[in-house]
Amino acid sequence: MGCTVRYPNPRPGETDDISEVKLLMYVFYPDKNKTDRCYWIPQETKNQYPWCVAWSVDELVRQGSGQ
């Protein structure tokens, strides 16, 4: 899943300020009937979903970049 976060009010004249961040998000959602095989999931959290959410920064747009 992709997500874009825009900063609506970057400081005027500060061309290095970030105006937009594009993220790629990952969600780990194991099958309810197979969590007994997922030894790395702590027992107390096996019934919580999603179990893990992670993301990577795909792109940074700076205020002065013109993009």
C-alpha atoms as a PDB file:
ATOM      1  CA  MET A   1       0.000   0.000   0.000  1.00  0.00           C
ATOM      2  CA  GLY A   2       1.365   3.424  -0.878  1.00  0.00           C
ATOM      3  CA  CYS A   3       0.851   6.637   1.016  1.00  0.00           C
ATOM      4  CA  THR A   4       1.807  10.259   0.366  1.00  0.00           C
ATOM      5  CA  VAL A   5       2.135  12.670   3.293  1.00  0.00           C
ATOM      6  CA  ARG A   6       2.111  16.347   2.344  1.00  0.00           C
ATOM      7  CA  TYR A   7       3.238  19.124   4.633  1.00  0.00           C
ATOM      8  CA  PRO A   8       0.852  21.972   3.778  1.00  0.00           C
ATOM      9  CA  ASN A   9       2.814  24.817   5.352  1.00  0.00           C
ATOM     10  CA  PRO A  10       6.545  24.580   4.688  1.00  0.00           C
ATOM     11  CA  ARG A  11       8.478  27.663   5.763  1.00  0.00           C
ATOM     12  CA  PRO A  12       8.642  30.295   3.010  1.00  0.00           C
ATOM     13  CA  GLY A  13      12.031  30.586   1.358  1.00  0.00           C
ATOM     14  CA  GLU A  14      13.426  27.422   3.012  1.00  0.00           C
ATOM     15  CA  THR A  15      14.120  25.344  -0.088  1.00  0.00           C
ATOM     16  CA  ASP A  16      15.494  22.403   1.928  1.00  0.00           C
ATOM     17  CA  ASP A  17      12.256  21.934   3.900  1.00  0.00           C
ATOM     18  CA  ILE A  18      10.453  18.703   3.063  1.00  0.00           C
ATOM     19  CA  SER A  19       7.059  19.302   1.476  1.00  0.00           C
ATOM     20  CA  GLU A  20       6.080  15.711   0.691  1.00  0.00           C
ATOM     21  CA  VAL A  21       7.036  12.162   1.745  1.00  0.00           C
ATOM     22  CA  LYS A  22       5.996   9.078  -0.231  1.00  0.00           C
ATOM     23  CA  LEU A  23       5.853   5.878   1.806  1.00  0.00           C
ATOM     24  CA  LEU A  24       5.441   2.244   0.879  1.00  0.00           C
ATOM     25  CA  MET A  25       3.663   0.393   3.675  1.00  0.00           C
ATOM     26  CA  TYR A  26       3.700  -3.339   4.418  1.00  0.00           C
ATOM     27  CA  VAL A  27       1.189  -5.170   6.617  1.00  0.00           C
ATOM     28  CA  PHE A  28       1.864  -8.666   7.960  1.00  0.00           C
ATOM     29  CA  TYR A  29      -1.412 -10.469   8.602  1.00  0.00           C
ATOM     30  CA  PRO A  30      -0.912 -14.202   9.286  1.00  0.00           C
ATOM     31  CA  ASP A  31      -3.736 -16.671   8.717  1.00  0.00           C
ATOM     32  CA  LYS A  32      -5.646 -17.142  12.006  1.00  0.00           C
ATOM     33  CA  ASN A  33      -5.481 -20.916  11.653  1.00  0.00           C
ATOM     34  CA  LYS A  34      -1.722 -21.007  11.104  1.00  0.00           C
ATOM     35  CA  THR A  35      -0.313 -18.732  13.828  1.00  0.00           C
ATOM     36  CA  ASP A  36       0.680 -21.759  15.909  1.00  0.00           C
ATOM     37  CA  ARG A  37       3.438 -22.340  13.313  1.00  0.00           C
ATOM     38  CA  CYS A  38       4.650 -18.722  13.570  1.00  0.00           C
ATOM     39  CA  TYR A  39       7.110 -19.300  16.428  1.00  0.00           C
ATOM     40  CA  TRP A  40       8.436 -15.716  16.182  1.00  0.00           C
ATOM     41  CA  ILE A  41       5.076 -14.180  17.204  1.00  0.00           C
ATOM     42  CA  PRO A  42       4.858 -13.856  21.013  1.00  0.00           C
ATOM     43  CA  GLN A  43       2.057 -15.997  22.466  1.00  0.00           C
ATOM     44  CA  GLU A  44       0.293 -12.993  24.029  1.00  0.00           C
ATOM     45  CA  THR A  45      -0.018 -11.227  20.653  1.00  0.00           C
ATOM     46  CA  LYS A  46      -1.008 -14.162  18.410  1.00  0.00           C
ATOM     47  CA  ASN A  47      -4.661 -13.064  18.339  1.00  0.00           C
ATOM     48  CA  GLN A  48      -3.959  -9.413  17.477  1.00  0.00           C
ATOM     49  CA  TYR A  49      -4.250  -8.331  13.842  1.00  0.00           C
ATOM     50  CA  PRO A  50      -2.485  -6.975  11.913  1.00  0.00           C
ATOM     51  CA  TRP A  51       0.534  -8.304  13.705  1.00  0.00           C
ATOM     52  CA  CYS A  52       3.143  -6.075  12.093  1.00  0.00           C
ATOM     53  CA  VAL A  53       3.084  -2.839  10.081  1.00  0.00           C
ATOM     54  CA  ALA A  54       6.280  -1.570   8.481  1.00  0.00           C
ATOM     55  CA  TRP A  55       7.119   1.100   5.933  1.00  0.00           C
ATOM     56  CA  SER A  56       9.916   2.412   3.783  1.00  0.00           C
ATOM     57  CA  VAL A  57      10.439   5.949   2.575  1.00  0.00           C
ATOM     58  CA  ASP A  58      10.134   5.791  -1.200  1.00  0.00           C
ATOM     59  CA  GLU A  59      10.674   9.472  -2.034  1.00  0.00           C
ATOM     60  CA  LEU A  60      11.244  12.850  -0.361  1.00  0.00           C
ATOM     61  CA  VAL A  61      10.195  16.047  -2.130  1.00  0.00           C
ATOM     62  CA  ARG A  62      11.809  19.257  -0.971  1.00  0.00           C
ATOM     63  CA  GLN A  63      10.020  22.582  -1.170  1.00  0.00           C
ATOM     64  CA  GLY A  64      12.494  24.046  -3.653  1.00  0.00           C
ATOM     65  CA  SER A  65      12.689  21.019  -5.956  1.00  0.00           C
ATOM     66  CA  GLY A  66       9.918  22.239  -8.275  1.00  0.00           C
ATOM     67  CA  GLN A  67       8.217  18.824  -8.250  1.00  0.00           C
END
